[in-house]
Amino acid sequence: MKTLISSTLGAALLFCASQSAAQDRFADVSISVTPLNGSAYMLQGAGGNIGVSAGDDGVLIIDDQFAPLAPKISAALGDIATDTPSYVINTHYHGDHTGSNAF
């Protein structure tokens, strides 16, 4: 029983440490906005780029990077449009493209 409790506690500590390290990894990342053409923009941060189209029918984003960057991405989108994204397109399922899908 002591082994089970020790193992569970150890696993929980490792999980918490890895989550903290993941948050720290993105602490210094800034999201920049590059206007492309009319209502099209490119957001750059960590990993791949984010495509944005902001128009009367809503805000569309293509790929949305890592989950810990969601507040920074949201702030950058606030410089472009007042609405939250209406549509999110993921080019594939990797975390650097789908992490902020909670928009």
PDB file of N, CA and C in Angstrom:
ATOM      1  N   MET A   1       0.816  -1.191   0.000  1.00  0.00           N
ATOM      2  CA  MET A   1       0.000   0.000   0.000  1.00  0.00           C
ATOM      3  C   MET A   1       0.865   1.262   0.000  1.00  0.00           C
ATOM      4  N   LYS A   2       1.955   1.240   0.801  1.00  0.00           N
ATOM      5  CA  LYS A   2       2.841   2.397   0.833  1.00  0.00           C
ATOM      6  C   LYS A   2       3.464   2.636  -0.536  1.00  0.00           C
ATOM      7  N   THR A   3       3.776   1.550  -1.242  1.00  0.00           N
ATOM      8  CA  THR A   3       4.368   1.675  -2.571  1.00  0.00           C
ATOM      9  C   THR A   3       3.383   2.331  -3.535  1.00  0.00           C
ATOM     10  N   LEU A   4       2.132   1.939  -3.455  1.00  0.00           N
ATOM     11  CA  LEU A   4       1.103   2.516  -4.322  1.00  0.00           C
ATOM     12  C   LEU A   4       0.944   4.012  -4.047  1.00  0.00           C
ATOM     13  N   ILE A   5       0.890   4.373  -2.789  1.00  0.00           N
ATOM     14  CA  ILE A   5       0.741   5.787  -2.432  1.00  0.00           C
ATOM     15  C   ILE A   5       1.968   6.578  -2.877  1.00  0.00           C
ATOM     16  N   SER A   6       3.147   6.027  -2.643  1.00  0.00           N
ATOM     17  CA  SER A   6       4.384   6.705  -3.054  1.00  0.00           C
ATOM     18  C   SER A   6       4.446   6.870  -4.565  1.00  0.00           C
ATOM     19  N   SER A   7       4.064   5.828  -5.285  1.00  0.00           N
ATOM     20  CA  SER A   7       4.086   5.895  -6.752  1.00  0.00           C
ATOM     21  C   SER A   7       3.093   6.926  -7.271  1.00  0.00           C
ATOM     22  N   THR A   8       1.908   6.940  -6.699  1.00  0.00           N
ATOM     23  CA  THR A   8       0.884   7.891  -7.116  1.00  0.00           C
ATOM     24  C   THR A   8       1.319   9.325  -6.821  1.00  0.00           C
ATOM     25  N   LEU A   9       1.875   9.535  -5.640  1.00  0.00           N
ATOM     26  CA  LEU A   9       2.353  10.862  -5.274  1.00  0.00           C
ATOM     27  C   LEU A   9       3.489  11.309  -6.186  1.00  0.00           C
ATOM     28  N   GLY A  10       4.408  10.390  -6.483  1.00  0.00           N
ATOM     29  CA  GLY A  10       5.525  10.707  -7.382  1.00  0.00           C
ATOM     30  C   GLY A  10       5.046  11.070  -8.775  1.00  0.00           C
ATOM     31  N   ALA A  11       4.078  10.313  -9.287  1.00  0.00           N
ATOM     32  CA  ALA A  11       3.537  10.600 -10.616  1.00  0.00           C
ATOM     33  C   ALA A  11       2.846  11.962 -10.635  1.00  0.00           C
ATOM     34  N   ALA A  12       2.113  12.279  -9.572  1.00  0.00           N
ATOM     35  CA  ALA A  12       1.432  13.573  -9.502  1.00  0.00           C
ATOM     36  C   ALA A  12       2.434  14.720  -9.477  1.00  0.00           C
ATOM     37  N   LEU A  13       3.514  14.555  -8.732  1.00  0.00           N
ATOM     38  CA  LEU A  13       4.543  15.594  -8.681  1.00  0.00           C
ATOM     39  C   LEU A  13       5.213  15.787 -10.034  1.00  0.00           C
ATOM     40  N   LEU A  14       5.498  14.688 -10.724  1.00  0.00           N
ATOM     41  CA  LEU A  14       6.101  14.795 -12.060  1.00  0.00           C
ATOM     42  C   LEU A  14       5.164  15.500 -13.028  1.00  0.00           C
ATOM     43  N   PHE A  15       3.880  15.189 -12.951  1.00  0.00           N
ATOM     44  CA  PHE A  15       2.904  15.829 -13.824  1.00  0.00           C
ATOM     45  C   PHE A  15       2.858  17.333 -13.569  1.00  0.00           C
ATOM     46  N   CYS A  16       2.815  17.720 -12.297  1.00  0.00           N
ATOM     47  CA  CYS A  16       2.772  19.150 -11.958  1.00  0.00           C
ATOM     48  C   CYS A  16       4.036  19.865 -12.421  1.00  0.00           C
ATOM     49  N   ALA A  17       5.177  19.217 -12.254  1.00  0.00           N
ATOM     50  CA  ALA A  17       6.442  19.824 -12.678  1.00  0.00           C
ATOM     51  C   ALA A  17       6.479  20.001 -14.188  1.00  0.00           C
ATOM     52  N   SER A  18       5.972  19.014 -14.927  1.00  0.00           N
ATOM     53  CA  SER A  18       5.991  19.126 -16.388  1.00  0.00           C
ATOM     54  C   SER A  18       5.040  20.218 -16.861  1.00  0.00           C
ATOM     55  N   GLN A  19       3.897  20.386 -16.189  1.00  0.00           N
ATOM     56  CA  GLN A  19       2.962  21.444 -16.555  1.00  0.00           C
ATOM     57  C   GLN A  19       3.560  22.817 -16.280  1.00  0.00           C
ATOM     58  N   SER A  20       4.256  22.942 -15.180  1.00  0.00           N
ATOM     59  CA  SER A  20       4.910  24.207 -14.843  1.00  0.00           C
ATOM     60  C   SER A  20       5.989  24.546 -15.859  1.00  0.00           C
ATOM     61  N   ALA A  21       6.761  23.545 -16.261  1.00  0.00           N
ATOM     62  CA  ALA A  21       7.811  23.768 -17.262  1.00  0.00           C
ATOM     63  C   ALA A  21       7.203  24.175 -18.597  1.00  0.00           C
ATOM     64  N   ALA A  22       6.065  23.586 -18.954  1.00  0.00           N
ATOM     65  CA  ALA A  22       5.405  23.937 -20.214  1.00  0.00           C
ATOM     66  C   ALA A  22       4.942  25.389 -20.186  1.00  0.00           C
ATOM     67  N   GLN A  23       4.414  25.835 -19.053  1.00  0.00           N
ATOM     68  CA  GLN A  23       3.983  27.225 -18.939  1.00  0.00           C
ATOM     69  C   GLN A  23       5.172  28.170 -19.057  1.00  0.00           C
ATOM     70  N   ASP A  24       6.277  27.834 -18.382  1.00  0.00           N
ATOM     71  CA  ASP A  24       7.476  28.672 -18.422  1.00  0.00           C
ATOM     72  C   ASP A  24       8.044  28.762 -19.829  1.00  0.00           C
ATOM     73  N   ARG A  25       7.904  27.706 -20.599  1.00  0.00           N
ATOM     74  CA  ARG A  25       8.439  27.669 -21.960  1.00  0.00           C
ATOM     75  C   ARG A  25       7.850  28.782 -22.825  1.00  0.00           C
ATOM     76  N   PHE A  26       6.634  29.169 -22.538  1.00  0.00           N
ATOM     77  CA  PHE A  26       5.942  30.162 -23.355  1.00  0.00           C
ATOM     78  C   PHE A  26       5.871  31.540 -22.701  1.00  0.00           C
ATOM     79  N   ALA A  27       6.482  31.697 -21.544  1.00  0.00           N
ATOM     80  CA  ALA A  27       6.381  32.958 -20.804  1.00  0.00           C
ATOM     81  C   ALA A  27       6.940  34.143 -21.589  1.00  0.00           C
ATOM     82  N   ASP A  28       8.006  33.942 -22.337  1.00  0.00           N
ATOM     83  CA  ASP A  28       8.649  35.046 -23.056  1.00  0.00           C
ATOM     84  C   ASP A  28       8.199  35.180 -24.506  1.00  0.00           C
ATOM     85  N   VAL A  29       7.248  34.360 -24.920  1.00  0.00           N
ATOM     86  CA  VAL A  29       6.767  34.414 -26.305  1.00  0.00           C
ATOM     87  C   VAL A  29       5.831  35.607 -26.469  1.00  0.00           C
ATOM     88  N   SER A  30       6.050  36.367 -27.513  1.00  0.00           N
ATOM     89  CA  SER A  30       5.123  37.449 -27.846  1.00  0.00           C
ATOM     90  C   SER A  30       4.477  37.129 -29.189  1.00  0.00           C
ATOM     91  N   ILE A  31       3.263  37.562 -29.358  1.00  0.00           N
ATOM     92  CA  ILE A  31       2.515  37.328 -30.592  1.00  0.00           C
ATOM     93  C   ILE A  31       2.502  38.633 -31.382  1.00  0.00           C
ATOM     94  N   SER A  32       3.020  38.574 -32.601  1.00  0.00           N
ATOM     95  CA  SER A  32       3.023  39.765 -33.460  1.00  0.00           C
ATOM     96  C   SER A  32       1.971  39.611 -34.551  1.00  0.00           C
ATOM     97  N   VAL A  33       1.404  40.731 -34.951  1.00  0.00           N
ATOM     98  CA  VAL A  33       0.364  40.763 -35.981  1.00  0.00           C
ATOM     99  C   VAL A  33       0.931  41.425 -37.224  1.00  0.00           C
ATOM    100  N   THR A  34       0.827  40.724 -38.358  1.00  0.00           N
ATOM    101  CA  THR A  34       1.278  41.265 -39.639  1.00  0.00           C
ATOM    102  C   THR A  34       0.076  41.387 -40.573  1.00  0.00           C
ATOM    103  N   PRO A  35      -0.323  42.599 -40.954  1.00  0.00           N
ATOM    104  CA  PRO A  35      -1.405  42.750 -41.931  1.00  0.00           C
ATOM    105  C   PRO A  35      -0.952  42.211 -43.288  1.00  0.00           C
ATOM    106  N   LEU A  36      -1.821  41.471 -43.954  1.00  0.00           N
ATOM    107  CA  LEU A  36      -1.467  40.912 -45.259  1.00  0.00           C
ATOM    108  C   LEU A  36      -2.181  41.639 -46.392  1.00  0.00           C
ATOM    109  N   ASN A  37      -3.515  41.616 -46.357  1.00  0.00           N
ATOM    110  CA  ASN A  37      -4.276  42.216 -47.443  1.00  0.00           C
ATOM    111  C   ASN A  37      -5.712  42.417 -46.973  1.00  0.00           C
ATOM    112  N   GLY A  38      -6.133  43.629 -46.840  1.00  0.00           N
ATOM    113  CA  GLY A  38      -7.512  43.882 -46.416  1.00  0.00           C
ATOM    114  C   GLY A  38      -7.792  43.324 -45.038  1.00  0.00           C
ATOM    115  N   SER A  39      -8.575  42.266 -44.983  1.00  0.00           N
ATOM    116  CA  SER A  39      -8.971  41.686 -43.702  1.00  0.00           C
ATOM    117  C   SER A  39      -8.175  40.436 -43.342  1.00  0.00           C
ATOM    118  N   ALA A  40      -7.076  40.183 -44.043  1.00  0.00           N
ATOM    119  CA  ALA A  40      -6.240  39.001 -43.779  1.00  0.00           C
ATOM    120  C   ALA A  40      -4.998  39.398 -42.982  1.00  0.00           C
ATOM    121  N   TYR A  41      -4.686  38.582 -41.979  1.00  0.00           N
ATOM    122  CA  TYR A  41      -3.550  38.856 -41.101  1.00  0.00           C
ATOM    123  C   TYR A  41      -2.792  37.567 -40.835  1.00  0.00           C
ATOM    124  N   MET A  42      -1.547  37.722 -40.408  1.00  0.00           N
ATOM    125  CA  MET A  42      -0.749  36.592 -39.957  1.00  0.00           C
ATOM    126  C   MET A  42      -0.266  36.903 -38.547  1.00  0.00           C
ATOM    127  N   LEU A  43      -0.498  35.969 -37.634  1.00  0.00           N
ATOM    128  CA  LEU A  43       0.019  36.085 -36.279  1.00  0.00           C
ATOM    129  C   LEU A  43       1.220  35.167 -36.161  1.00  0.00           C
ATOM    130  N   GLN A  44       2.287  35.669 -35.570  1.00  0.00           N
ATOM    131  CA  GLN A  44       3.498  34.882 -35.375  1.00  0.00           C
ATOM    132  C   GLN A  44       3.814  34.834 -33.893  1.00  0.00           C
ATOM    133  N   GLY A  45       4.258  33.667 -33.452  1.00  0.00           N
ATOM    134  CA  GLY A  45       4.629  33.494 -32.056  1.00  0.00           C
ATOM    135  C   GLY A  45       5.609  32.353 -31.935  1.00  0.00           C
ATOM    136  N   ALA A  46       5.199  31.284 -31.301  1.00  0.00           N
ATOM    137  CA  ALA A  46       6.033  30.087 -31.161  1.00  0.00           C
ATOM    138  C   ALA A  46       5.522  29.029 -32.129  1.00  0.00           C
ATOM    139  N   GLY A  47       6.414  28.378 -32.815  1.00  0.00           N
ATOM    140  CA  GLY A  47       5.982  27.341 -33.745  1.00  0.00           C
ATOM    141  C   GLY A  47       5.478  27.936 -35.037  1.00  0.00           C
ATOM    142  N   GLY A  48       4.382  27.400 -35.548  1.00  0.00           N
ATOM    143  CA  GLY A  48       3.836  27.847 -36.820  1.00  0.00           C
ATOM    144  C   GLY A  48       3.131  29.181 -36.718  1.00  0.00           C
ATOM    145  N   ASN A  49       2.682  29.666 -37.840  1.00  0.00           N
ATOM    146  CA  ASN A  49       1.960  30.935 -37.909  1.00  0.00           C
ATOM    147  C   ASN A  49       0.462  30.681 -37.797  1.00  0.00           C
ATOM    148  N   ILE A  50      -0.277  31.727 -37.512  1.00  0.00           N
ATOM    149  CA  ILE A  50      -1.731  31.662 -37.429  1.00  0.00           C
ATOM    150  C   ILE A  50      -2.291  32.568 -38.509  1.00  0.00           C
ATOM    151  N   GLY A  51      -3.150  32.023 -39.354  1.00  0.00           N
ATOM    152  CA  GLY A  51      -3.834  32.822 -40.359  1.00  0.00           C
ATOM    153  C   GLY A  51      -5.127  33.362 -39.777  1.00  0.00           C
ATOM    154  N   VAL A  52      -5.438  34.615 -40.076  1.00  0.00           N
ATOM    155  CA  VAL A  52      -6.656  35.246 -39.550  1.00  0.00           C
ATOM    156  C   VAL A  52      -7.366  35.982 -40.674  1.00  0.00           C
ATOM    157  N   SER A  53      -8.669  35.780 -40.751  1.00  0.00           N
ATOM    158  CA  SER A  53      -9.520  36.569 -41.630  1.00  0.00           C
ATOM    159  C   SER A  53     -10.607  37.174 -40.753  1.00  0.00           C
ATOM    160  N   ALA A  54     -10.670  38.496 -40.713  1.00  0.00           N
ATOM    161  CA  ALA A  54     -11.652  39.185 -39.874  1.00  0.00           C
ATOM    162  C   ALA A  54     -12.555  40.016 -40.766  1.00  0.00           C
ATOM    163  N   GLY A  55     -13.828  39.655 -40.805  1.00  0.00           N
ATOM    164  CA  GLY A  55     -14.766  40.376 -41.652  1.00  0.00           C
ATOM    165  C   GLY A  55     -16.105  40.544 -40.975  1.00  0.00           C
ATOM    166  N   ASP A  56     -17.070  41.040 -41.730  1.00  0.00           N
ATOM    167  CA  ASP A  56     -18.410  41.263 -41.194  1.00  0.00           C
ATOM    168  C   ASP A  56     -19.081  39.967 -40.754  1.00  0.00           C
ATOM    169  N   ASP A  57     -18.690  38.857 -41.368  1.00  0.00           N
ATOM    170  CA  ASP A  57     -19.305  37.575 -41.042  1.00  0.00           C
ATOM    171  C   ASP A  57     -18.602  36.850 -39.897  1.00  0.00           C
ATOM    172  N   GLY A  58     -17.606  37.460 -39.296  1.00  0.00           N
ATOM    173  CA  GLY A  58     -16.933  36.853 -38.154  1.00  0.00           C
ATOM    174  C   GLY A  58     -15.434  36.770 -38.335  1.00  0.00           C
ATOM    175  N   VAL A  59     -14.804  36.126 -37.375  1.00  0.00           N
ATOM    176  CA  VAL A  59     -13.353  35.960 -37.373  1.00  0.00           C
ATOM    177  C   VAL A  59     -13.038  34.488 -37.580  1.00  0.00           C
ATOM    178  N   LEU A  60     -12.189  34.212 -38.546  1.00  0.00           N
ATOM    179  CA  LEU A  60     -11.735  32.854 -38.840  1.00  0.00           C
ATOM    180  C   LEU A  60     -10.245  32.789 -38.552  1.00  0.00           C
ATOM    181  N   ILE A  61      -9.812  31.753 -37.826  1.00  0.00           N
ATOM    182  CA  ILE A  61      -8.379  31.556 -37.630  1.00  0.00           C
ATOM    183  C   ILE A  61      -7.991  30.181 -38.150  1.00  0.00           C
ATOM    184  N   ILE A  62      -6.809  30.120 -38.723  1.00  0.00           N
ATOM    185  CA  ILE A  62      -6.266  28.868 -39.248  1.00  0.00           C
ATOM    186  C   ILE A  62      -5.075  28.499 -38.383  1.00  0.00           C
ATOM    187  N   ASP A  63      -5.211  27.386 -37.681  1.00  0.00           N
ATOM    188  CA  ASP A  63      -4.244  26.911 -36.693  1.00  0.00           C
ATOM    189  C   ASP A  63      -4.184  27.910 -35.543  1.00  0.00           C
ATOM    190  N   ASP A  64      -3.951  27.433 -34.359  1.00  0.00           N
ATOM    191  CA  ASP A  64      -4.004  28.343 -33.212  1.00  0.00           C
ATOM    192  C   ASP A  64      -2.937  28.078 -32.159  1.00  0.00           C
ATOM    193  N   GLN A  65      -1.899  27.403 -32.524  1.00  0.00           N
ATOM    194  CA  GLN A  65      -0.701  27.202 -31.710  1.00  0.00           C
ATOM    195  C   GLN A  65      -0.978  26.498 -30.388  1.00  0.00           C
ATOM    196  N   PHE A  66      -0.097  26.712 -29.425  1.00  0.00           N
ATOM    197  CA  PHE A  66      -0.091  25.972 -28.169  1.00  0.00           C
ATOM    198  C   PHE A  66      -1.086  26.554 -27.167  1.00  0.00           C
ATOM    199  N   ALA A  67      -1.698  25.692 -26.358  1.00  0.00           N
ATOM    200  CA  ALA A  67      -2.700  26.110 -25.377  1.00  0.00           C
ATOM    201  C   ALA A  67      -2.217  27.201 -24.417  1.00  0.00           C
ATOM    202  N   PRO A  68      -0.979  27.139 -23.883  1.00  0.00           N
ATOM    203  CA  PRO A  68      -0.560  28.197 -22.958  1.00  0.00           C
ATOM    204  C   PRO A  68      -0.486  29.587 -23.598  1.00  0.00           C
ATOM    205  N   LEU A  69      -0.504  29.642 -24.928  1.00  0.00           N
ATOM    206  CA  LEU A  69      -0.443  30.936 -25.612  1.00  0.00           C
ATOM    207  C   LEU A  69      -1.821  31.540 -25.866  1.00  0.00           C
ATOM    208  N   ALA A  70      -2.880  30.838 -25.506  1.00  0.00           N
ATOM    209  CA  ALA A  70      -4.238  31.305 -25.808  1.00  0.00           C
ATOM    210  C   ALA A  70      -4.515  32.729 -25.323  1.00  0.00           C
ATOM    211  N   PRO A  71      -4.131  33.105 -24.100  1.00  0.00           N
ATOM    212  CA  PRO A  71      -4.393  34.492 -23.685  1.00  0.00           C
ATOM    213  C   PRO A  71      -3.648  35.522 -24.539  1.00  0.00           C
ATOM    214  N   LYS A  72      -2.429  35.200 -24.935  1.00  0.00           N
ATOM    215  CA  LYS A  72      -1.652  36.132 -25.763  1.00  0.00           C
ATOM    216  C   LYS A  72      -2.231  36.211 -27.175  1.00  0.00           C
ATOM    217  N   ILE A  73      -2.674  35.081 -27.687  1.00  0.00           N
ATOM    218  CA  ILE A  73      -3.298  35.061 -29.014  1.00  0.00           C
ATOM    219  C   ILE A  73      -4.604  35.848 -28.974  1.00  0.00           C
ATOM    220  N   SER A  74      -5.381  35.656 -27.925  1.00  0.00           N
ATOM    221  CA  SER A  74      -6.640  36.381 -27.771  1.00  0.00           C
ATOM    222  C   SER A  74      -6.403  37.890 -27.714  1.00  0.00           C
ATOM    223  N   ALA A  75      -5.363  38.299 -27.004  1.00  0.00           N
ATOM    224  CA  ALA A  75      -5.032  39.730 -26.929  1.00  0.00           C
ATOM    225  C   ALA A  75      -4.639  40.268 -28.299  1.00  0.00           C
ATOM    226  N   ALA A  76      -3.866  39.494 -29.056  1.00  0.00           N
ATOM    227  CA  ALA A  76      -3.467  39.921 -30.402  1.00  0.00           C
ATOM    228  C   ALA A  76      -4.681  40.001 -31.320  1.00  0.00           C
ATOM    229  N   LEU A  77      -5.599  39.052 -31.183  1.00  0.00           N
ATOM    230  CA  LEU A  77      -6.820  39.094 -31.990  1.00  0.00           C
ATOM    231  C   LEU A  77      -7.664  40.316 -31.630  1.00  0.00           C
ATOM    232  N   GLY A  78      -7.598  40.746 -30.377  1.00  0.00           N
ATOM    233  CA  GLY A  78      -8.328  41.938 -29.948  1.00  0.00           C
ATOM    234  C   GLY A  78      -7.863  43.197 -30.652  1.00  0.00           C
ATOM    235  N   ASP A  79      -6.617  43.189 -31.136  1.00  0.00           N
ATOM    236  CA  ASP A  79      -6.113  44.326 -31.910  1.00  0.00           C
ATOM    237  C   ASP A  79      -6.688  44.342 -33.324  1.00  0.00           C
ATOM    238  N   ILE A  80      -7.195  43.197 -33.773  1.00  0.00           N
ATOM    239  CA  ILE A  80      -7.711  43.062 -35.138  1.00  0.00           C
ATOM    240  C   ILE A  80      -9.229  43.217 -35.174  1.00  0.00           C
ATOM    241  N   ALA A  81      -9.915  42.549 -34.259  1.00  0.00           N
ATOM    242  CA  ALA A  81     -11.377  42.516 -34.270  1.00  0.00           C
ATOM    243  C   ALA A  81     -11.898  42.450 -32.840  1.00  0.00           C
ATOM    244  N   THR A  82     -13.130  42.851 -32.651  1.00  0.00           N
ATOM    245  CA  THR A  82     -13.724  42.812 -31.319  1.00  0.00           C
ATOM    246  C   THR A  82     -14.347  41.458 -31.007  1.00  0.00           C
ATOM    247  N   ASP A  83     -14.625  40.671 -32.025  1.00  0.00           N
ATOM    248  CA  ASP A  83     -15.253  39.368 -31.830  1.00  0.00           C
ATOM    249  C   ASP A  83     -14.223  38.299 -31.502  1.00  0.00           C
ATOM    250  N   THR A  84     -14.668  37.274 -30.798  1.00  0.00           N
ATOM    251  CA  THR A  84     -13.841  36.083 -30.640  1.00  0.00           C
ATOM    252  C   THR A  84     -13.970  35.273 -31.924  1.00  0.00           C
ATOM    253  N   PRO A  85     -13.050  34.364 -32.190  1.00  0.00           N
ATOM    254  CA  PRO A  85     -13.135  33.591 -33.435  1.00  0.00           C
ATOM    255  C   PRO A  85     -14.453  32.831 -33.555  1.00  0.00           C
ATOM    256  N   SER A  86     -15.069  32.954 -34.709  1.00  0.00           N
ATOM    257  CA  SER A  86     -16.287  32.212 -35.015  1.00  0.00           C
ATOM    258  C   SER A  86     -15.957  30.854 -35.610  1.00  0.00           C
ATOM    259  N   TYR A  87     -14.803  30.777 -36.251  1.00  0.00           N
ATOM    260  CA  TYR A  87     -14.391  29.564 -36.952  1.00  0.00           C
ATOM    261  C   TYR A  87     -12.912  29.302 -36.687  1.00  0.00           C
ATOM    262  N   VAL A  88     -12.582  28.026 -36.487  1.00  0.00           N
ATOM    263  CA  VAL A  88     -11.191  27.608 -36.332  1.00  0.00           C
ATOM    264  C   VAL A  88     -10.951  26.455 -37.291  1.00  0.00           C
ATOM    265  N   ILE A  89      -9.927  26.583 -38.109  1.00  0.00           N
ATOM    266  CA  ILE A  89      -9.532  25.514 -39.029  1.00  0.00           C
ATOM    267  C   ILE A  89      -8.169  25.005 -38.592  1.00  0.00           C
ATOM    268  N   ASN A  90      -8.067  23.696 -38.419  1.00  0.00           N
ATOM    269  CA  ASN A  90      -6.790  23.070 -38.096  1.00  0.00           C
ATOM    270  C   ASN A  90      -6.273  22.358 -39.330  1.00  0.00           C
ATOM    271  N   THR A  91      -5.029  22.659 -39.708  1.00  0.00           N
ATOM    272  CA  THR A  91      -4.456  22.000 -40.875  1.00  0.00           C
ATOM    273  C   THR A  91      -4.080  20.560 -40.570  1.00  0.00           C
ATOM    274  N   HIS A  92      -3.788  20.265 -39.308  1.00  0.00           N
ATOM    275  CA  HIS A  92      -3.584  18.894 -38.847  1.00  0.00           C
ATOM    276  C   HIS A  92      -3.648  18.871 -37.332  1.00  0.00           C
ATOM    277  N   TYR A  93      -3.509  17.706 -36.734  1.00  0.00           N
ATOM    278  CA  TYR A  93      -3.854  17.510 -35.333  1.00  0.00           C
ATOM    279  C   TYR A  93      -2.736  17.752 -34.324  1.00  0.00           C
ATOM    280  N   HIS A  94      -1.567  18.179 -34.711  1.00  0.00           N
ATOM    281  CA  HIS A  94      -0.473  18.388 -33.759  1.00  0.00           C
ATOM    282  C   HIS A  94      -0.788  19.547 -32.814  1.00  0.00           C
ATOM    283  N   GLY A  95      -0.261  19.470 -31.586  1.00  0.00           N
ATOM    284  CA  GLY A  95      -0.555  20.447 -30.545  1.00  0.00           C
ATOM    285  C   GLY A  95      -0.165  21.870 -30.880  1.00  0.00           C
ATOM    286  N   ASP A  96       0.843  22.034 -31.750  1.00  0.00           N
ATOM    287  CA  ASP A  96       1.233  23.396 -32.127  1.00  0.00           C
ATOM    288  C   ASP A  96       0.268  24.002 -33.140  1.00  0.00           C
ATOM    289  N   HIS A  97      -0.720  23.242 -33.554  1.00  0.00           N
ATOM    290  CA  HIS A  97      -1.745  23.741 -34.476  1.00  0.00           C
ATOM    291  C   HIS A  97      -3.137  23.711 -33.842  1.00  0.00           C
ATOM    292  N   THR A  98      -3.309  22.942 -32.764  1.00  0.00           N
ATOM    293  CA  THR A  98      -4.639  22.744 -32.186  1.00  0.00           C
ATOM    294  C   THR A  98      -4.741  23.108 -30.714  1.00  0.00           C
ATOM    295  N   GLY A  99      -3.656  23.524 -30.101  1.00  0.00           N
ATOM    296  CA  GLY A  99      -3.625  23.709 -28.654  1.00  0.00           C
ATOM    297  C   GLY A  99      -4.598  24.724 -28.105  1.00  0.00           C
ATOM    298  N   SER A 100      -4.911  25.740 -28.864  1.00  0.00           N
ATOM    299  CA  SER A 100      -5.815  26.792 -28.379  1.00  0.00           C
ATOM    300  C   SER A 100      -7.209  26.671 -28.965  1.00  0.00           C
ATOM    301  N   ASN A 101      -7.624  25.470 -29.308  1.00  0.00           N
ATOM    302  CA  ASN A 101      -8.941  25.275 -29.913  1.00  0.00           C
ATOM    303  C   ASN A 101     -10.093  25.671 -28.995  1.00  0.00           C
ATOM    304  N   ALA A 102      -9.819  25.976 -27.753  1.00  0.00           N
ATOM    305  CA  ALA A 102     -10.885  26.359 -26.822  1.00  0.00           C
ATOM    306  C   ALA A 102     -11.516  27.705 -27.172  1.00  0.00           C
ATOM    307  N   PHE A 103     -10.926  28.437 -28.144  1.00  0.00           N
ATOM    308  CA  PHE A 103     -11.533  29.700 -28.553  1.00  0.00           C
ATOM    309  C   PHE A 103     -12.986  29.447 -28.853  1.00  0.00           C
TER     310      PHE A 103
END
